Amino acid sequence: MVIKEASKVTGISIDNLRYYERIGVIPKVRRTESGIRD
């Protein structure tokens, strides 16, 4: 699921989802070697 889909399903903005990930409220998403969320 990409962040846009997660935002639609949860009703939480993309910016807030990224913030929650950064502060540890939600688990970090896997990233590719180039740093792109998987």
C-alpha atoms as a PDB file:
ATOM      1  CA  MET A   1       0.000   0.000   0.000  1.00  0.00           C
ATOM      2  CA  VAL A   2       1.364   3.392  -0.930  1.00  0.00           C
ATOM      3  CA  ILE A   3       1.032   6.409   1.344  1.00  0.00           C
ATOM      4  CA  LYS A   4      -1.748   7.905  -0.786  1.00  0.00           C
ATOM      5  CA  GLU A   5      -3.849   4.758  -0.305  1.00  0.00           C
ATOM      6  CA  ALA A   6      -3.076   4.671   3.416  1.00  0.00           C
ATOM      7  CA  SER A   7      -4.172   8.293   3.666  1.00  0.00           C
ATOM      8  CA  LYS A   8      -7.490   7.558   1.943  1.00  0.00           C
ATOM      9  CA  VAL A   9      -8.196   4.464   4.066  1.00  0.00           C
ATOM     10  CA  THR A  10      -7.351   6.118   7.389  1.00  0.00           C
ATOM     11  CA  GLY A  11      -8.507   9.661   6.689  1.00  0.00           C
ATOM     12  CA  ILE A  12      -5.109  10.933   7.886  1.00  0.00           C
ATOM     13  CA  SER A  13      -3.213  13.363   5.671  1.00  0.00           C
ATOM     14  CA  ILE A  14      -0.031  12.243   3.935  1.00  0.00           C
ATOM     15  CA  ASP A  15       1.956  14.867   5.858  1.00  0.00           C
ATOM     16  CA  ASN A  16       0.630  13.555   9.174  1.00  0.00           C
ATOM     17  CA  LEU A  17       1.388   9.938   8.232  1.00  0.00           C
ATOM     18  CA  ARG A  18       4.984  10.914   7.425  1.00  0.00           C
ATOM     19  CA  TYR A  19       5.221  12.872  10.692  1.00  0.00           C
ATOM     20  CA  TYR A  20       3.850   9.940  12.711  1.00  0.00           C
ATOM     21  CA  GLU A  21       6.413   7.652  11.067  1.00  0.00           C
ATOM     22  CA  ARG A  22       9.232  10.098  11.842  1.00  0.00           C
ATOM     23  CA  ILE A  23       8.357  10.377  15.558  1.00  0.00           C
ATOM     24  CA  GLY A  24       7.699   6.640  15.955  1.00  0.00           C
ATOM     25  CA  VAL A  25       3.904   6.581  16.350  1.00  0.00           C
ATOM     26  CA  ILE A  26       3.688   4.190  13.406  1.00  0.00           C
ATOM     27  CA  PRO A  27       6.457   1.773  12.378  1.00  0.00           C
ATOM     28  CA  LYS A  28       8.986   2.871   9.788  1.00  0.00           C
ATOM     29  CA  VAL A  29       8.316   1.695   6.242  1.00  0.00           C
ATOM     30  CA  ARG A  30      10.911  -0.362   4.376  1.00  0.00           C
ATOM     31  CA  ARG A  31      13.002   1.624   1.936  1.00  0.00           C
ATOM     32  CA  THR A  32      14.950   0.659  -1.155  1.00  0.00           C
ATOM     33  CA  GLU A  33      18.694   1.196  -1.308  1.00  0.00           C
ATOM     34  CA  SER A  34      18.048   4.580  -2.916  1.00  0.00           C
ATOM     35  CA  GLY A  35      15.846   5.633   0.031  1.00  0.00           C
ATOM     36  CA  ILE A  36      12.450   5.287  -1.641  1.00  0.00           C
ATOM     37  CA  ARG A  37       9.673   3.845   0.531  1.00  0.00           C
ATOM     38  CA  ASP A  38       8.913   0.297  -0.555  1.00  0.00           C
END
